[in-house]
Amino acid sequence: MKITNRHGLPAITENALKMDIFDPRNYPLNILWLTTLIGPPLPGILKRAHFEELIIDITDMAFRFIGSAVHDMIWKRAIKNQKNLSIFAEEKVYLEVETMEIITLPVGQTLWKDYDKFSEDKLYVSIKMDCYDYEAQSVDDHKVTTKWSYILEDSGVKPDTVAQLNVAGFVIRKLGFPVKTARVNYWFRDWSASEAAKQANYPPAPIYTQHNVPIWTDAACEEYIRERVIVHTTALSRDNVEDVVACSPSERWEKPTTYAVMKAGNKRAAKVCGSREAADRYIVDNSVKGAYVDLRPGSNVRCERFCECNKWCHFYKKLGGE
């Protein structure tokens, strides 16, 4: 990977940001990180194959660094105040997929280097749990994100986050602790007090806890883990990367093409339709005078703006990406 510093950040900042760069080639293929497990396999396969060719600017690491900083401070203060707080934070375990056995190791040790029963023929999931609250019997996650995570999900929780919390909760139950609830603590890096006062669907505070996360049964968690492992191992077994299943529309954060019925002089659409035919029909059925149809092209936000490897993705090229 080539790292640029186009904005001339000082060395101390550049070095701090570099520490969050993840090189997948340094880790065995039979260990899946939880964040990898819940995501699509294709980006990870492309990153491993083209890591040396990747070019990023060090500023691309800014928000990842901020997220890490929040987690680190929560962990440090939880340790400092552990006599007063009934929680544990940032705990890491491994799950052996076939038996669903939980493996714990001392801090600083790794499964493939320090666990004497590690086998290249077995599959493992590495799980780092943000926080468990003993009193509330709650598994918690902290997300440093933008206001749009709240607005676009209609104040709900993303499916990936639901899965992440439930897998963590499954592990915590296997360790002997009850889990009655799950919570997401959002840290909105672009929160505005003035916008919160004006918009009903805006996050009410810069840090906001979402409580309505559905809890899965242990059986549902096991089924999910095994299904996702099959998805990833099947992808890894392909000799040709073009045979790897493409990311789904939701994984691409797809925004479909829409057709807006506009009236002359109005900034807002009278109606937004999913097809040109539906827009034309709306104009006729409602006798809208002076109306015209504005084409709003769709996009695949994750592919276009956030995928480091889109230039090597066969499916992205089919979508018209360059």
Protein backbone atom coordinates (compact mmCIF):
# COMPACT_ATOMS: atom_id res chain seq x y z
CA MET A 1 0.00 0.00 0.00
CA LYS A 2 1.22 3.46 -0.90
CA ILE A 3 0.27 6.19 1.58
CA THR A 4 0.29 9.82 0.49
CA ASN A 5 0.17 12.97 2.61
CA ARG A 6 -1.28 15.50 0.19
CA HIS A 7 -2.14 18.03 2.89
CA GLY A 8 1.24 18.01 4.61
CA LEU A 9 0.18 16.67 8.01
CA PRO A 10 2.99 16.66 10.60
CA ALA A 11 4.85 13.39 11.17
CA ILE A 12 3.33 12.78 14.61
CA THR A 13 -0.19 12.92 13.14
CA GLU A 14 0.71 10.84 10.12
CA ASN A 15 2.31 8.13 12.24
CA ALA A 16 -0.68 7.99 14.58
CA LEU A 17 -3.09 7.56 11.67
CA LYS A 18 -0.95 4.87 10.04
CA MET A 19 -1.38 2.61 13.07
CA ASP A 20 -5.01 1.97 12.07
CA ILE A 21 -4.08 0.55 8.66
CA PHE A 22 -5.08 -3.11 8.46
CA ASP A 23 -3.11 -5.47 6.22
CA PRO A 24 -5.23 -8.63 5.76
CA ARG A 25 -2.26 -10.57 4.42
CA ASN A 26 -0.83 -10.75 7.94
CA TYR A 27 -3.66 -12.96 9.18
CA PRO A 28 -4.70 -16.56 8.41
CA LEU A 29 -7.57 -17.08 5.96
CA ASN A 30 -9.39 -19.37 8.38
CA ILE A 31 -9.99 -16.54 10.87
CA LEU A 32 -12.84 -14.16 10.10
CA TRP A 33 -13.20 -10.92 12.03
CA LEU A 34 -16.78 -10.22 13.10
CA THR A 35 -16.88 -7.03 11.02
CA THR A 36 -15.73 -9.12 8.05
CA LEU A 37 -18.27 -11.84 8.76
CA ILE A 38 -21.27 -9.51 8.65
CA GLY A 39 -20.06 -7.75 5.51
CA PRO A 40 -19.77 -8.85 1.87
CA PRO A 41 -16.78 -11.07 0.98
CA LEU A 42 -15.74 -9.43 -2.30
CA PRO A 43 -14.14 -6.21 -0.93
CA GLY A 44 -11.96 -8.19 1.49
CA ILE A 45 -10.81 -10.61 -1.21
CA LEU A 46 -9.91 -7.74 -3.52
CA LYS A 47 -8.06 -5.91 -0.75
CA ARG A 48 -5.97 -8.98 0.07
CA ALA A 49 -5.17 -9.52 -3.63
CA HIS A 50 -4.33 -5.89 -4.44
CA PHE A 51 -2.98 -4.55 -1.14
CA GLU A 52 0.41 -3.60 -2.62
CA GLU A 53 -1.34 -1.59 -5.36
CA LEU A 54 -3.64 0.38 -3.07
CA ILE A 55 -3.08 4.12 -2.81
CA ILE A 56 -4.69 6.09 0.00
CA ASP A 57 -4.12 9.50 1.49
CA ILE A 58 -3.42 9.55 5.20
CA THR A 59 -6.44 11.83 5.72
CA ASP A 60 -8.66 8.95 4.56
CA MET A 61 -7.91 7.40 7.96
CA ALA A 62 -9.24 10.36 9.95
CA PHE A 63 -12.69 9.08 10.89
CA ARG A 64 -11.43 5.56 11.57
CA PHE A 65 -8.89 7.09 13.96
CA ILE A 66 -11.60 9.10 15.73
CA GLY A 67 -13.67 5.94 16.13
CA SER A 68 -10.69 4.10 17.59
CA ALA A 69 -10.00 7.00 19.95
CA VAL A 70 -13.54 6.88 21.34
CA HIS A 71 -13.29 3.12 21.94
CA ASP A 72 -9.85 3.46 23.54
CA MET A 73 -11.02 6.17 25.95
CA ILE A 74 -14.11 4.22 26.94
CA TRP A 75 -11.93 1.17 27.66
CA LYS A 76 -9.34 3.17 29.65
CA ARG A 77 -11.95 4.92 31.76
CA ALA A 78 -13.85 1.67 32.32
CA ILE A 79 -10.64 0.12 33.67
CA LYS A 80 -9.92 3.19 35.82
CA ASN A 81 -13.43 3.22 37.28
CA GLN A 82 -14.09 -0.51 37.39
CA LYS A 83 -14.80 -0.34 41.11
CA ASN A 84 -17.66 2.06 40.42
CA LEU A 85 -18.85 0.73 37.04
CA SER A 86 -20.30 -2.77 36.61
CA ILE A 87 -19.07 -3.22 33.04
CA PHE A 88 -16.35 -4.80 30.99
CA ALA A 89 -15.21 -3.19 27.76
CA GLU A 90 -13.22 -4.03 24.62
CA GLU A 91 -12.93 -7.72 25.42
CA LYS A 92 -11.70 -10.01 22.62
CA VAL A 93 -12.49 -13.70 22.18
CA TYR A 94 -12.42 -16.28 19.42
CA LEU A 95 -15.28 -18.55 18.38
CA GLU A 96 -14.51 -21.97 16.90
CA VAL A 97 -17.27 -22.34 14.32
CA GLU A 98 -17.79 -26.11 14.22
CA THR A 99 -18.24 -26.57 17.96
CA MET A 100 -19.23 -22.98 18.86
CA GLU A 101 -16.56 -23.15 21.56
CA ILE A 102 -15.37 -19.83 23.00
CA ILE A 103 -11.60 -19.37 23.24
CA THR A 104 -10.14 -16.67 25.48
CA LEU A 105 -6.48 -15.69 25.57
CA PRO A 106 -4.43 -13.30 27.69
CA VAL A 107 -4.15 -9.73 26.42
CA GLY A 108 -1.54 -9.45 23.68
CA GLN A 109 -1.74 -13.06 22.56
CA THR A 110 -3.14 -14.19 19.21
CA LEU A 111 -4.96 -17.39 18.31
CA TRP A 112 -2.66 -18.53 15.50
CA LYS A 113 0.58 -17.82 17.37
CA ASP A 114 -0.20 -18.61 21.00
CA TYR A 115 -3.08 -21.13 21.12
CA ASP A 116 -1.65 -24.65 21.10
CA LYS A 117 -4.88 -26.18 19.75
CA PHE A 118 -5.07 -23.81 16.77
CA SER A 119 -5.67 -25.69 13.52
CA GLU A 120 -5.53 -24.47 9.94
CA ASP A 121 -8.31 -26.95 9.18
CA LYS A 122 -10.77 -25.24 11.50
CA LEU A 123 -12.67 -21.99 11.08
CA TYR A 124 -12.71 -19.25 13.69
CA VAL A 125 -14.41 -15.90 14.21
CA SER A 126 -12.56 -13.15 16.07
CA ILE A 127 -14.96 -11.08 18.14
CA LYS A 128 -14.16 -7.89 20.00
CA MET A 129 -17.02 -6.78 22.23
CA ASP A 130 -17.40 -3.07 22.88
CA CYS A 131 -19.10 -3.22 26.26
CA TYR A 132 -21.23 -5.35 28.56
CA ASP A 133 -23.22 -3.75 31.37
CA TYR A 134 -23.69 -6.23 34.23
CA GLU A 135 -26.48 -4.27 35.95
CA ALA A 136 -28.52 -3.64 32.79
CA GLN A 137 -27.54 -7.05 31.39
CA SER A 138 -26.98 -5.24 28.13
CA VAL A 139 -24.49 -5.69 25.29
CA ASP A 140 -23.54 -2.27 23.93
CA ASP A 141 -21.85 -0.95 20.82
CA HIS A 142 -20.34 2.48 20.22
CA LYS A 143 -20.55 3.95 16.73
CA VAL A 144 -18.82 7.17 15.69
CA THR A 145 -20.82 8.12 12.65
CA THR A 146 -22.76 10.86 10.87
CA LYS A 147 -26.28 12.11 11.42
CA TRP A 148 -27.36 10.17 8.32
CA SER A 149 -27.00 6.85 10.13
CA TYR A 150 -29.90 8.04 12.27
CA ILE A 151 -31.91 9.94 9.65
CA LEU A 152 -31.79 7.41 6.81
CA GLU A 153 -32.58 4.49 9.09
CA ASP A 154 -35.66 6.40 10.34
CA SER A 155 -34.30 6.40 13.89
CA GLY A 156 -33.73 2.64 13.67
CA VAL A 157 -30.65 0.43 13.63
CA LYS A 158 -28.81 -0.91 10.58
CA PRO A 159 -29.14 -4.68 10.02
CA ASP A 160 -25.36 -5.10 10.21
CA THR A 161 -25.34 -3.46 13.63
CA VAL A 162 -28.18 -5.71 14.81
CA ALA A 163 -26.18 -8.75 13.69
CA GLN A 164 -22.96 -7.50 15.28
CA LEU A 165 -24.63 -6.90 18.64
CA ASN A 166 -26.41 -10.24 18.62
CA VAL A 167 -23.28 -12.23 17.82
CA ALA A 168 -21.52 -10.39 20.66
CA GLY A 169 -24.51 -11.10 22.92
CA PHE A 170 -24.39 -14.78 21.95
CA VAL A 171 -20.74 -14.95 22.99
CA ILE A 172 -21.43 -13.16 26.28
CA ARG A 173 -24.20 -15.64 27.11
CA LYS A 174 -21.83 -18.52 26.34
CA LEU A 175 -19.39 -16.95 28.82
CA GLY A 176 -22.10 -17.22 31.47
CA PHE A 177 -23.62 -13.74 31.55
CA PRO A 178 -27.30 -12.99 30.81
CA VAL A 179 -28.17 -10.64 27.97
CA LYS A 180 -31.61 -9.07 28.17
CA THR A 181 -31.09 -6.06 25.93
CA ALA A 182 -28.79 -4.54 23.33
CA ARG A 183 -27.98 -0.86 22.81
CA VAL A 184 -26.21 1.27 20.23
CA ASN A 185 -24.47 4.41 21.45
CA TYR A 186 -24.12 6.79 18.53
CA TRP A 187 -21.49 9.54 18.57
CA PHE A 188 -22.50 11.95 15.80
CA ARG A 189 -19.44 13.77 14.51
CA ASP A 190 -21.54 16.25 12.48
CA TRP A 191 -24.30 16.95 15.01
CA SER A 192 -25.81 20.47 15.03
CA ALA A 193 -27.95 21.91 17.84
CA SER A 194 -29.73 24.26 15.43
CA GLU A 195 -30.65 21.41 13.07
CA ALA A 196 -31.87 19.29 15.98
CA ALA A 197 -34.22 22.10 16.99
CA LYS A 198 -35.72 22.31 13.49
CA GLN A 199 -35.95 18.68 12.31
CA ALA A 200 -38.15 16.02 13.88
CA ASN A 201 -36.12 13.10 12.51
CA TYR A 202 -32.76 14.55 13.54
CA PRO A 203 -30.64 13.03 16.36
CA PRO A 204 -31.76 14.76 19.58
CA ALA A 205 -28.23 14.94 21.05
CA PRO A 206 -24.60 14.55 19.92
CA ILE A 207 -24.45 11.23 21.78
CA TYR A 208 -27.60 9.17 21.56
CA THR A 209 -28.46 5.66 22.77
CA GLN A 210 -30.75 3.51 20.67
CA HIS A 211 -32.50 0.92 22.84
CA ASN A 212 -34.83 -0.88 20.44
CA VAL A 213 -32.36 -3.46 19.11
CA PRO A 214 -34.06 -6.86 18.61
CA ILE A 215 -32.54 -9.76 20.52
CA TRP A 216 -31.99 -13.07 18.71
CA THR A 217 -32.19 -16.51 20.23
CA ASP A 218 -29.00 -18.56 20.54
CA ALA A 219 -30.27 -20.83 17.76
CA ALA A 220 -30.78 -17.85 15.46
CA CYS A 221 -27.30 -16.55 16.26
CA GLU A 222 -25.70 -19.93 15.50
CA GLU A 223 -27.60 -20.18 12.23
CA TYR A 224 -26.54 -16.68 11.22
CA ILE A 225 -22.86 -17.32 12.01
CA ARG A 226 -22.81 -20.59 10.06
CA GLU A 227 -24.60 -19.05 7.07
CA ARG A 228 -22.19 -16.11 6.93
CA VAL A 229 -19.18 -18.40 7.28
CA ILE A 230 -20.42 -20.42 4.28
CA VAL A 231 -20.79 -17.20 2.25
CA HIS A 232 -17.20 -16.19 2.99
CA THR A 233 -15.58 -19.61 2.66
CA THR A 234 -17.38 -20.20 -0.63
CA ALA A 235 -16.08 -16.88 -1.92
CA LEU A 236 -12.54 -17.68 -0.80
CA SER A 237 -12.66 -21.03 -2.60
CA ARG A 238 -13.22 -19.43 -6.01
CA ASP A 239 -10.21 -19.59 -8.32
CA ASN A 240 -11.45 -16.59 -10.30
CA VAL A 241 -12.42 -13.46 -8.39
CA GLU A 242 -15.08 -12.74 -11.01
CA ASP A 243 -16.91 -15.84 -9.76
CA VAL A 244 -17.23 -14.36 -6.27
CA VAL A 245 -20.77 -13.25 -5.51
CA ALA A 246 -21.22 -9.50 -5.92
CA CYS A 247 -22.26 -7.23 -3.08
CA SER A 248 -26.02 -6.97 -2.71
CA PRO A 249 -27.88 -3.67 -3.30
CA SER A 250 -28.07 -3.06 0.46
CA GLU A 251 -24.35 -3.83 0.85
CA ARG A 252 -23.60 -1.37 -1.96
CA TRP A 253 -25.82 1.23 -0.23
CA GLU A 254 -27.70 1.49 -3.49
CA LYS A 255 -29.81 4.53 -4.21
CA PRO A 256 -32.20 3.68 -7.08
CA THR A 257 -32.82 5.95 -10.03
CA THR A 258 -35.96 8.03 -9.49
CA TYR A 259 -38.14 10.34 -11.58
CA ALA A 260 -39.30 13.54 -9.92
CA VAL A 261 -42.43 15.33 -11.08
CA MET A 262 -41.58 19.02 -10.92
CA LYS A 263 -43.66 22.14 -11.33
CA ALA A 264 -42.15 25.23 -12.86
CA GLY A 265 -40.89 27.57 -10.15
CA ASN A 266 -40.99 24.92 -7.39
CA LYS A 267 -37.83 23.57 -5.79
CA ARG A 268 -39.47 20.51 -4.28
CA ALA A 269 -40.94 17.67 -6.30
CA ALA A 270 -44.67 17.18 -6.39
CA LYS A 271 -44.06 13.43 -6.56
CA VAL A 272 -41.01 11.16 -6.77
CA CYS A 273 -41.64 7.97 -8.76
CA GLY A 274 -39.69 4.80 -9.40
CA SER A 275 -40.19 4.85 -13.17
CA ARG A 276 -40.73 7.33 -15.99
CA GLU A 277 -44.06 5.68 -16.77
CA ALA A 278 -45.28 6.20 -13.20
CA ALA A 279 -44.22 9.86 -13.30
CA ASP A 280 -46.00 10.48 -16.62
CA ARG A 281 -49.10 8.72 -15.30
CA TYR A 282 -49.09 10.89 -12.18
CA ILE A 283 -49.02 14.05 -14.31
CA VAL A 284 -51.97 12.84 -16.43
CA ASP A 285 -54.04 11.45 -13.55
CA ASN A 286 -53.64 14.62 -11.49
CA SER A 287 -53.84 17.09 -14.39
CA VAL A 288 -50.61 18.74 -13.30
CA LYS A 289 -50.09 21.78 -15.50
CA GLY A 290 -46.62 22.94 -16.48
CA ALA A 291 -45.05 19.81 -15.05
CA TYR A 292 -41.89 18.12 -16.22
CA VAL A 293 -40.01 15.01 -15.15
CA ASP A 294 -36.55 15.39 -13.62
CA LEU A 295 -34.35 12.28 -13.87
CA ARG A 296 -32.41 11.65 -10.68
CA PRO A 297 -29.76 9.00 -11.47
CA GLY A 298 -29.20 6.31 -8.89
CA SER A 299 -25.87 5.48 -7.34
CA ASN A 300 -24.03 2.83 -5.33
CA VAL A 301 -22.68 4.99 -2.54
CA ARG A 302 -20.42 2.45 -0.88
CA CYS A 303 -18.85 1.39 -4.19
CA GLU A 304 -18.30 4.91 -5.47
CA ARG A 305 -17.15 6.68 -2.32
CA PHE A 306 -15.96 4.18 0.24
CA CYS A 307 -14.61 1.05 -1.49
CA GLU A 308 -10.82 1.09 -1.72
CA CYS A 309 -10.81 -1.64 -4.36
CA ASN A 310 -13.57 -0.62 -6.76
CA LYS A 311 -11.10 -0.24 -9.64
CA TRP A 312 -10.53 -4.03 -9.53
CA CYS A 313 -14.17 -4.99 -9.01
CA HIS A 314 -15.78 -6.67 -12.02
CA PHE A 315 -19.28 -5.88 -10.78
CA TYR A 316 -18.51 -2.19 -10.23
CA LYS A 317 -17.27 -2.01 -13.81
CA LYS A 318 -20.57 -3.53 -14.99
CA LEU A 319 -22.35 -0.77 -13.11
CA GLY A 320 -20.42 1.78 -15.17
CA GLY A 321 -17.73 2.60 -12.62
CA GLU A 322 -14.22 3.42 -13.70
